[in-house]
Amino acid sequence: MKIKRSTLVPLLLVVYLGVMVYLGWPDYKRGATSPALYFGGTAFTLAVIVLLHFNLKKRDALRRQRQAEADEIERKKKENASTSNTDTTPEEK
């Protein structure tokens, strides 16, 4: 099963954010980083990752829809080409 890009990219970013939060924890505990910066930055980054996830899902859905429409047009063209050659008799031309 293939993992969708709309899931994989945000997942990797959340893992990266988790590592950065873990590495920044000692500075927060020492008081070198304010709670607003530590938790606010984490919350903001997490919100951006969630928005990215939904944006990628929407783009994938639009891409699939456009591809389906293009496939349908191609199918109709082939169908019309094959029926126009076999369905007409010389009197109809």
C-alpha atoms as a PDB file:
ATOM      1  CA  MET A   1       0.000   0.000   0.000  1.00  0.00           C
ATOM      2  CA  LYS A   2       1.366   3.365  -1.032  1.00  0.00           C
ATOM      3  CA  ILE A   3       1.382   6.137   1.560  1.00  0.00           C
ATOM      4  CA  LYS A   4      -0.148   9.331   0.220  1.00  0.00           C
ATOM      5  CA  ARG A   5       1.989  12.443   0.052  1.00  0.00           C
ATOM      6  CA  SER A   6      -0.673  14.326   2.036  1.00  0.00           C
ATOM      7  CA  THR A   7       0.030  11.965   4.925  1.00  0.00           C
ATOM      8  CA  LEU A   8       3.760  11.325   4.577  1.00  0.00           C
ATOM      9  CA  VAL A   9       5.018  14.918   4.412  1.00  0.00           C
ATOM     10  CA  PRO A  10       3.086  16.158   7.473  1.00  0.00           C
ATOM     11  CA  LEU A  11       4.059  12.997   9.370  1.00  0.00           C
ATOM     12  CA  LEU A  12       7.743  13.634   8.706  1.00  0.00           C
ATOM     13  CA  LEU A  13       7.325  17.263   9.757  1.00  0.00           C
ATOM     14  CA  VAL A  14       5.610  16.223  13.003  1.00  0.00           C
ATOM     15  CA  VAL A  15       8.497  13.841  13.764  1.00  0.00           C
ATOM     16  CA  TYR A  16      10.961  16.667  13.059  1.00  0.00           C
ATOM     17  CA  LEU A  17       8.945  19.011  15.292  1.00  0.00           C
ATOM     18  CA  GLY A  18       8.982  16.385  18.050  1.00  0.00           C
ATOM     19  CA  VAL A  19      12.769  16.136  17.869  1.00  0.00           C
ATOM     20  CA  MET A  20      13.136  19.919  17.985  1.00  0.00           C
ATOM     21  CA  VAL A  21      10.753  20.172  20.953  1.00  0.00           C
ATOM     22  CA  TYR A  22      12.725  17.448  22.748  1.00  0.00           C
ATOM     23  CA  LEU A  23      16.027  19.198  22.072  1.00  0.00           C
ATOM     24  CA  GLY A  24      14.613  22.549  23.219  1.00  0.00           C
ATOM     25  CA  TRP A  25      13.166  21.194  26.476  1.00  0.00           C
ATOM     26  CA  PRO A  26      16.357  21.677  28.555  1.00  0.00           C
ATOM     27  CA  ASP A  27      16.527  25.357  27.525  1.00  0.00           C
ATOM     28  CA  TYR A  28      12.890  25.816  28.486  1.00  0.00           C
ATOM     29  CA  LYS A  29      13.444  24.163  31.880  1.00  0.00           C
ATOM     30  CA  ARG A  30      16.505  26.370  32.534  1.00  0.00           C
ATOM     31  CA  GLY A  31      14.467  29.447  31.698  1.00  0.00           C
ATOM     32  CA  ALA A  32      16.479  30.347  28.605  1.00  0.00           C
ATOM     33  CA  THR A  33      13.323  30.105  26.472  1.00  0.00           C
ATOM     34  CA  SER A  34      10.050  31.715  27.488  1.00  0.00           C
ATOM     35  CA  PRO A  35       6.917  29.557  27.717  1.00  0.00           C
ATOM     36  CA  ALA A  36       5.232  31.722  25.083  1.00  0.00           C
ATOM     37  CA  LEU A  37       8.047  31.102  22.635  1.00  0.00           C
ATOM     38  CA  TYR A  38       8.406  27.393  23.424  1.00  0.00           C
ATOM     39  CA  PHE A  39       4.736  26.402  23.479  1.00  0.00           C
ATOM     40  CA  GLY A  40       3.536  29.127  21.110  1.00  0.00           C
ATOM     41  CA  GLY A  41       6.117  28.205  18.504  1.00  0.00           C
ATOM     42  CA  THR A  42       5.244  24.540  18.862  1.00  0.00           C
ATOM     43  CA  ALA A  43       1.492  25.206  18.557  1.00  0.00           C
ATOM     44  CA  PHE A  44       1.965  27.513  15.558  1.00  0.00           C
ATOM     45  CA  THR A  45       4.169  24.999  13.765  1.00  0.00           C
ATOM     46  CA  LEU A  46       1.706  22.201  14.472  1.00  0.00           C
ATOM     47  CA  ALA A  47      -1.160  24.331  13.102  1.00  0.00           C
ATOM     48  CA  VAL A  48       0.803  25.005   9.901  1.00  0.00           C
ATOM     49  CA  ILE A  49       1.487  21.267   9.506  1.00  0.00           C
ATOM     50  CA  VAL A  50      -2.244  20.493   9.871  1.00  0.00           C
ATOM     51  CA  LEU A  51      -3.100  23.152   7.273  1.00  0.00           C
ATOM     52  CA  LEU A  52      -0.468  21.681   4.953  1.00  0.00           C
ATOM     53  CA  HIS A  53      -2.060  18.239   5.336  1.00  0.00           C
ATOM     54  CA  PHE A  54      -5.494  19.523   4.283  1.00  0.00           C
ATOM     55  CA  ASN A  55      -4.025  21.565   1.433  1.00  0.00           C
ATOM     56  CA  LEU A  56      -2.198  18.511   0.065  1.00  0.00           C
ATOM     57  CA  LYS A  57      -5.359  16.382   0.371  1.00  0.00           C
ATOM     58  CA  LYS A  58      -7.346  18.954  -1.594  1.00  0.00           C
ATOM     59  CA  ARG A  59      -4.679  19.155  -4.310  1.00  0.00           C
ATOM     60  CA  ASP A  60      -4.604  15.361  -4.616  1.00  0.00           C
ATOM     61  CA  ALA A  61      -8.393  15.233  -4.924  1.00  0.00           C
ATOM     62  CA  LEU A  62      -8.393  17.940  -7.611  1.00  0.00           C
ATOM     63  CA  ARG A  63      -5.611  16.135  -9.484  1.00  0.00           C
ATOM     64  CA  ARG A  64      -7.563  12.866  -9.416  1.00  0.00           C
ATOM     65  CA  GLN A  65     -10.712  14.658 -10.596  1.00  0.00           C
ATOM     66  CA  ARG A  66      -8.901  16.325 -13.509  1.00  0.00           C
ATOM     67  CA  GLN A  67      -7.291  13.015 -14.463  1.00  0.00           C
ATOM     68  CA  ALA A  68     -10.664  11.247 -14.398  1.00  0.00           C
ATOM     69  CA  GLU A  69     -12.176  13.953 -16.605  1.00  0.00           C
ATOM     70  CA  ALA A  70      -9.285  13.700 -19.067  1.00  0.00           C
ATOM     71  CA  ASP A  71      -9.618   9.909 -19.152  1.00  0.00           C
ATOM     72  CA  GLU A  72     -13.353  10.228 -19.801  1.00  0.00           C
ATOM     73  CA  ILE A  73     -12.754  12.629 -22.695  1.00  0.00           C
ATOM     74  CA  GLU A  74     -10.170  10.260 -24.203  1.00  0.00           C
ATOM     75  CA  ARG A  75     -12.556   7.322 -23.830  1.00  0.00           C
ATOM     76  CA  LYS A  76     -15.342   9.240 -25.576  1.00  0.00           C
ATOM     77  CA  LYS A  77     -13.016  10.255 -28.407  1.00  0.00           C
ATOM     78  CA  LYS A  78     -11.973   6.651 -28.965  1.00  0.00           C
ATOM     79  CA  GLU A  79     -15.575   5.488 -28.726  1.00  0.00           C
ATOM     80  CA  ASN A  80     -16.747   8.088 -31.247  1.00  0.00           C
ATOM     81  CA  ALA A  81     -13.914   7.279 -33.621  1.00  0.00           C
ATOM     82  CA  SER A  82     -14.671   3.569 -33.547  1.00  0.00           C
ATOM     83  CA  THR A  83     -18.444   3.994 -33.882  1.00  0.00           C
ATOM     84  CA  SER A  84     -18.187   6.483 -36.747  1.00  0.00           C
ATOM     85  CA  ASN A  85     -16.124   3.989 -38.756  1.00  0.00           C
ATOM     86  CA  THR A  86     -18.335   0.939 -38.162  1.00  0.00           C
ATOM     87  CA  ASP A  87     -21.851   2.323 -37.801  1.00  0.00           C
ATOM     88  CA  THR A  88     -22.187   4.230 -41.063  1.00  0.00           C
ATOM     89  CA  THR A  89     -23.127   2.656 -44.341  1.00  0.00           C
ATOM     90  CA  PRO A  90     -22.115   4.077 -47.719  1.00  0.00           C
ATOM     91  CA  GLU A  91     -25.616   5.498 -48.254  1.00  0.00           C
ATOM     92  CA  GLU A  92     -25.378   7.528 -45.034  1.00  0.00           C
ATOM     93  CA  LYS A  93     -22.100   9.125 -46.022  1.00  0.00           C
END
